[in-house]
Protein backbone atom coordinates (compact mmCIF):
# COMPACT_ATOMS: atom_id res chain seq x y z
CA UNK A 1 75.67 88.47 100.38
CA UNK A 2 79.12 88.07 98.86
CA UNK A 3 81.33 91.12 99.13
CA UNK A 4 83.36 92.57 96.01
CA UNK A 5 86.52 98.85 93.31
CA UNK A 6 86.00 100.01 90.05
CA UNK A 7 85.91 103.64 89.00
CA UNK A 8 82.64 104.71 87.46
CA UNK A 9 83.36 107.04 84.58
CA UNK A 10 81.07 109.76 83.36
CA UNK A 11 81.41 111.89 80.26
CA UNK A 12 82.54 114.84 82.40
CA UNK A 13 85.78 113.51 83.88
CA UNK A 14 89.41 113.43 82.87
CA UNK A 15 89.40 109.66 82.31
CA UNK A 16 87.11 109.80 79.27
CA UNK A 17 89.87 109.30 76.73
CA UNK A 18 91.25 106.24 78.48
CA UNK A 19 87.93 104.54 79.22
CA UNK A 20 86.04 105.29 76.04
CA UNK A 21 88.87 105.26 73.51
CA UNK A 22 88.83 102.94 70.52
CA UNK A 23 92.30 101.89 71.74
CA UNK A 24 90.83 100.33 74.89
CA UNK A 25 91.93 96.81 75.65
CA UNK A 26 89.68 93.77 75.65
CA UNK A 27 87.61 92.62 78.63
CA UNK A 28 87.22 89.24 80.23
CA UNK A 29 85.32 87.89 83.20
CA UNK A 30 86.87 88.78 86.53
CA UNK A 31 88.24 85.62 88.13
CA UNK A 32 87.04 84.45 91.51
CA UNK A 33 90.64 84.83 92.70
CA UNK A 34 90.60 88.55 91.76
CA UNK A 35 87.25 89.08 93.46
CA UNK A 36 88.45 87.28 96.61
CA UNK A 37 91.66 89.35 96.69
CA UNK A 38 89.76 92.62 96.39
CA UNK A 39 87.20 91.52 98.98
CA UNK A 40 89.99 90.77 101.46
CA UNK A 41 90.83 94.51 101.36
CA UNK A 42 87.43 96.14 100.75
CA UNK A 43 83.76 95.46 101.42
CA UNK A 44 82.43 93.98 98.18
CA UNK A 45 78.74 93.37 97.54
CA UNK A 46 77.06 91.62 94.63
CA UNK A 47 74.17 93.70 93.26
CA UNK A 48 71.08 91.51 93.36
CA UNK A 49 68.44 91.48 90.59
CA UNK A 50 65.86 94.23 91.14
CA UNK A 51 68.05 96.11 93.64
CA UNK A 52 68.81 99.82 93.45
CA UNK A 53 72.51 98.90 93.30
CA UNK A 54 71.98 96.89 90.11
CA UNK A 55 69.83 99.64 88.62
CA UNK A 56 72.64 102.12 89.34
CA UNK A 57 75.26 99.92 87.68
CA UNK A 58 73.07 99.40 84.62
CA UNK A 59 72.28 103.12 84.39
CA UNK A 60 75.99 104.03 84.46
CA UNK A 61 77.06 101.18 82.19
CA UNK A 62 79.49 99.87 84.80
CA UNK A 63 80.16 96.37 86.07
CA UNK A 64 81.23 97.72 89.48
CA UNK A 65 81.41 100.95 91.46
CA UNK A 66 83.17 102.14 94.60
CA UNK A 67 81.45 104.35 97.13
CA UNK A 68 80.90 105.09 100.77
CA UNK A 69 83.41 106.72 103.11
CA UNK A 70 86.82 106.58 101.42
CA UNK A 71 85.35 104.59 98.51
CA UNK A 72 85.88 101.43 100.54
CA UNK A 73 82.56 99.77 99.67
CA UNK A 74 82.26 98.17 96.24
CA UNK A 75 79.20 96.90 94.43
CA UNK A 76 79.58 94.55 91.47
CA UNK A 77 77.33 92.80 89.00
CA UNK A 78 77.07 89.02 89.29
CA UNK A 79 79.54 88.40 86.44
CA UNK A 80 81.80 91.47 86.39
CA UNK A 81 84.20 92.13 83.50
CA UNK A 82 87.73 93.46 83.82
CA UNK A 83 90.10 95.10 81.37
CA UNK A 84 92.91 92.87 80.12
């Protein structure tokens, strides 16, 4: 399993305006170089089809999420997007 931190926003946090604003920047696929750089510092896991991790990401509308002790474990979808 390939390892891959992204903040999961909910409607009840102080980041709502930045993440859900109409002024938000465009997204593009995260490069393999970015994923490799992050995974050199954190444990990054690709959420597999049918897994609870993928169901969680789909339920929250996120491409990735950090969790575990110190938010050092990261789960990502197979083709994560990043803000540009």
